[in-house]
Amino acid sequence: MKLIGSLTSPYVRKARIVLAEKHIGYNFELETPWNADTHVPDHNPLGKVPVLIMDDGTSLFDSRVIVEYLDGINPVSRLIPESNRRRLIVKRWEALSDGICDAAAATFLERRRPEAAQSEEWISRQQGKVTRGLESAARELNDKKWCDGNVYTLADIALGCALGYLTFRFPEIEWRRTFPNLADLSDRLEKRVPFMETAPRD
């Protein structure tokens, strides 16, 4: 099994953490999908990472598809609950967390364009999504230890990756001070070995 991805993508990080938490062996192939010589489109027509190449050569893409497949490989330490209601709650957390990442990444890419070509209206729109996403996450988490209560799940992994990406790309966003319960959750997560080993870096 091979995972194709970058060291900066929160979606790749999510897949790598799930692989580590499930104790699934794999090879990691570094690829930057923005480079002119990238081979990512050879495996994912959308040209995005992560891409998981299974042993039979089949490729899976989109982190949500990949982590669901990985969680089903080994029934031990399930990260996505089997109960329909709890499963929906965890997947909703994942959707919220990925949405925060989507908006943050869109802001980052817009700011990489020549200054004269940047749209402040677009950036403001994406920043609003990030803010509302964080507000919703903090409200939903409340005083719980983990997103799903007392059980560590994919919800925590997804949210932790989103928070880690904000810290990495947007240190000016003071979410830790504004949302102390999210900061506490992030601190717990970043002490876990899979999180330490996948910390984003250029």
Protein backbone atom coordinates (compact mmCIF):
# COMPACT_ATOMS: atom_id res chain seq x y z
CA MET A 1 0.00 0.00 0.00
CA LYS A 2 1.29 3.46 -0.90
CA LEU A 3 0.14 6.93 0.13
CA ILE A 4 0.97 9.84 -2.14
CA GLY A 5 0.96 13.26 -0.54
CA SER A 6 2.74 16.34 0.75
CA LEU A 7 4.02 17.31 4.18
CA THR A 8 1.81 20.41 4.37
CA SER A 9 -1.65 19.10 3.44
CA PRO A 10 -4.01 18.63 6.41
CA TYR A 11 -5.91 16.03 4.37
CA VAL A 12 -2.75 13.98 3.85
CA ARG A 13 -1.95 14.37 7.53
CA LYS A 14 -5.39 13.01 8.42
CA ALA A 15 -4.81 9.90 6.31
CA ARG A 16 -1.31 9.40 7.76
CA ILE A 17 -2.61 9.67 11.33
CA VAL A 18 -5.36 7.14 10.64
CA LEU A 19 -2.78 4.76 9.13
CA ALA A 20 -0.65 5.13 12.26
CA GLU A 21 -3.55 4.77 14.70
CA LYS A 22 -4.71 1.62 12.87
CA HIS A 23 -1.14 0.24 12.73
CA ILE A 24 -1.31 -0.21 8.95
CA GLY A 25 2.01 -0.39 7.14
CA TYR A 26 2.48 1.68 3.99
CA ASN A 27 5.02 3.50 1.84
CA PHE A 28 4.84 7.29 1.75
CA GLU A 29 5.63 8.99 -1.56
CA LEU A 30 6.17 12.73 -1.39
CA GLU A 31 4.50 14.70 -4.17
CA THR A 32 3.63 18.37 -4.52
CA PRO A 33 0.57 18.56 -6.78
CA TRP A 34 1.36 22.19 -7.70
CA ASN A 35 4.69 21.32 -9.34
CA ALA A 36 4.79 21.21 -13.13
CA ASP A 37 6.35 17.73 -13.11
CA THR A 38 3.88 16.20 -10.63
CA HIS A 39 2.61 12.67 -11.24
CA VAL A 40 -0.44 13.06 -9.00
CA PRO A 41 -2.86 13.31 -12.01
CA ASP A 42 -1.63 9.88 -13.11
CA HIS A 43 -3.39 8.45 -10.04
CA ASN A 44 -6.10 11.04 -9.34
CA PRO A 45 -7.68 12.82 -12.32
CA LEU A 46 -8.50 15.74 -10.01
CA GLY A 47 -4.79 16.26 -9.32
CA LYS A 48 -5.20 16.38 -5.55
CA VAL A 49 -3.58 14.62 -2.62
CA PRO A 50 -3.82 12.35 -0.73
CA VAL A 51 -4.00 9.37 -3.06
CA LEU A 52 -3.91 5.84 -1.69
CA ILE A 53 -2.62 3.14 -4.04
CA MET A 54 -3.88 -0.23 -2.87
CA ASP A 55 -2.01 -3.50 -3.30
CA ASP A 56 -3.98 -4.36 -6.43
CA GLY A 57 -3.06 -1.02 -8.02
CA THR A 58 -6.45 0.60 -7.49
CA SER A 59 -6.23 4.25 -6.41
CA LEU A 60 -8.46 5.90 -3.85
CA PHE A 61 -8.65 9.67 -3.52
CA ASP A 62 -10.30 12.21 -1.26
CA SER A 63 -9.24 11.87 2.35
CA ARG A 64 -12.77 11.05 3.52
CA VAL A 65 -12.94 8.05 1.19
CA ILE A 66 -9.43 6.95 2.14
CA VAL A 67 -9.90 7.07 5.92
CA GLU A 68 -13.23 5.25 5.71
CA TYR A 69 -11.55 2.46 3.74
CA LEU A 70 -8.63 2.31 6.18
CA ASP A 71 -10.90 2.17 9.22
CA GLY A 72 -12.67 -0.83 7.75
CA ILE A 73 -9.48 -2.83 7.10
CA ASN A 74 -8.93 -3.56 10.77
CA PRO A 75 -11.90 -3.77 13.17
CA VAL A 76 -9.62 -3.03 16.15
CA SER A 77 -9.69 0.54 17.48
CA ARG A 78 -12.47 1.74 15.21
CA LEU A 79 -12.24 5.47 14.55
CA ILE A 80 -15.64 5.69 12.84
CA PRO A 81 -18.43 4.31 15.06
CA GLU A 82 -20.69 1.61 13.65
CA SER A 83 -23.80 3.06 15.31
CA ASN A 84 -25.69 5.09 12.70
CA ARG A 85 -26.24 8.14 14.92
CA ARG A 86 -22.72 8.26 16.32
CA ARG A 87 -21.31 7.61 12.87
CA LEU A 88 -23.23 10.59 11.50
CA ILE A 89 -21.96 12.79 14.32
CA VAL A 90 -18.34 11.82 13.66
CA LYS A 91 -18.71 12.29 9.89
CA ARG A 92 -20.34 15.68 10.50
CA TRP A 93 -17.32 16.70 12.57
CA GLU A 94 -15.08 15.55 9.73
CA ALA A 95 -17.08 17.60 7.21
CA LEU A 96 -16.85 20.69 9.43
CA SER A 97 -13.11 20.24 9.94
CA ASP A 98 -12.44 19.65 6.25
CA GLY A 99 -14.54 22.71 5.45
CA ILE A 100 -12.32 24.83 7.69
CA CYS A 101 -9.31 23.43 5.84
CA ASP A 102 -10.92 24.11 2.45
CA ALA A 103 -11.50 27.77 3.30
CA ALA A 104 -8.05 28.21 4.86
CA ALA A 105 -6.34 26.59 1.86
CA ALA A 106 -8.34 28.78 -0.53
CA THR A 107 -7.15 31.84 1.38
CA PHE A 108 -3.54 30.65 1.30
CA LEU A 109 -3.64 30.04 -2.45
CA GLU A 110 -5.30 33.38 -3.15
CA ARG A 111 -2.57 35.16 -1.21
CA ARG A 112 0.06 33.43 -3.34
CA ARG A 113 -1.25 35.19 -6.45
CA PRO A 114 0.29 38.53 -7.52
CA GLU A 115 -1.01 41.19 -5.14
CA ALA A 116 -2.79 43.10 -7.91
CA ALA A 117 -4.71 39.95 -8.88
CA GLN A 118 -5.84 39.04 -5.38
CA SER A 119 -9.49 39.42 -4.40
CA GLU A 120 -9.94 40.79 -0.91
CA GLU A 121 -13.64 39.99 -1.16
CA TRP A 122 -12.78 36.33 -1.83
CA ILE A 123 -10.27 36.24 1.03
CA SER A 124 -12.77 37.83 3.41
CA ARG A 125 -15.42 35.30 2.39
CA GLN A 126 -13.07 32.38 3.13
CA GLN A 127 -11.93 33.89 6.43
CA GLY A 128 -15.56 34.17 7.45
CA LYS A 129 -15.99 30.45 6.84
CA VAL A 130 -12.96 29.68 9.01
CA THR A 131 -14.27 31.88 11.83
CA ARG A 132 -17.76 30.41 11.73
CA GLY A 133 -16.31 26.91 11.54
CA LEU A 134 -14.20 27.48 14.63
CA GLU A 135 -17.13 29.01 16.49
CA SER A 136 -19.28 25.99 15.65
CA ALA A 137 -16.54 23.54 16.65
CA ALA A 138 -15.96 25.28 19.98
CA ARG A 139 -19.69 25.37 20.70
CA GLU A 140 -20.18 21.69 19.80
CA LEU A 141 -17.11 20.56 21.74
CA ASN A 142 -18.16 22.56 24.82
CA ASP A 143 -16.47 20.94 27.84
CA LYS A 144 -16.15 17.42 26.42
CA LYS A 145 -12.77 15.70 26.39
CA TRP A 146 -13.21 14.50 22.79
CA CYS A 147 -15.56 15.55 20.01
CA ASP A 148 -17.67 12.41 20.48
CA GLY A 149 -17.63 12.62 24.27
CA ASN A 150 -15.18 10.33 26.06
CA VAL A 151 -14.03 8.39 22.99
CA TYR A 152 -11.21 9.35 20.61
CA THR A 153 -12.46 9.13 17.01
CA LEU A 154 -11.88 10.35 13.48
CA ALA A 155 -13.68 13.54 14.52
CA ASP A 156 -10.76 14.48 16.77
CA ILE A 157 -8.20 13.59 14.11
CA ALA A 158 -9.94 15.73 11.48
CA LEU A 159 -10.39 18.70 13.81
CA GLY A 160 -6.82 18.38 15.08
CA CYS A 161 -5.51 18.47 11.51
CA ALA A 162 -7.57 21.58 10.77
CA LEU A 163 -6.31 23.36 13.89
CA GLY A 164 -2.75 22.30 13.12
CA TYR A 165 -3.05 23.68 9.59
CA LEU A 166 -4.27 27.04 10.91
CA THR A 167 -1.32 27.21 13.30
CA PHE A 168 1.06 26.32 10.46
CA ARG A 169 -0.26 28.65 7.75
CA PHE A 170 -2.01 31.39 9.71
CA PRO A 171 -0.20 32.15 12.97
CA GLU A 172 -1.91 35.55 12.98
CA ILE A 173 -5.28 33.92 13.69
CA GLU A 174 -5.51 33.87 17.47
CA TRP A 175 -7.92 30.95 17.69
CA ARG A 176 -6.18 29.48 20.74
CA ARG A 177 -6.99 32.51 22.86
CA THR A 178 -10.50 32.91 21.46
CA PHE A 179 -11.41 29.23 21.81
CA PRO A 180 -9.56 27.76 24.82
CA ASN A 181 -11.44 24.47 24.66
CA LEU A 182 -10.17 23.95 21.09
CA ALA A 183 -6.67 24.82 22.29
CA ASP A 184 -6.93 22.21 25.07
CA LEU A 185 -8.07 19.58 22.57
CA SER A 186 -5.26 20.50 20.18
CA ASP A 187 -2.68 20.24 22.96
CA ARG A 188 -3.87 16.73 23.86
CA LEU A 189 -3.80 15.64 20.25
CA GLU A 190 -0.39 17.07 19.44
CA LYS A 191 1.10 14.96 22.26
CA ARG A 192 0.04 11.77 20.50
CA VAL A 193 2.85 10.13 18.54
CA PRO A 194 0.98 10.05 15.18
CA PHE A 195 0.37 13.79 15.45
CA MET A 196 3.97 14.52 16.46
CA GLU A 197 5.29 12.45 13.54
CA THR A 198 3.07 14.21 10.98
CA ALA A 199 3.43 17.84 12.07
CA PRO A 200 3.15 19.97 8.89
CA ARG A 201 6.35 21.46 7.50
CA ASP A 202 7.53 22.99 4.25
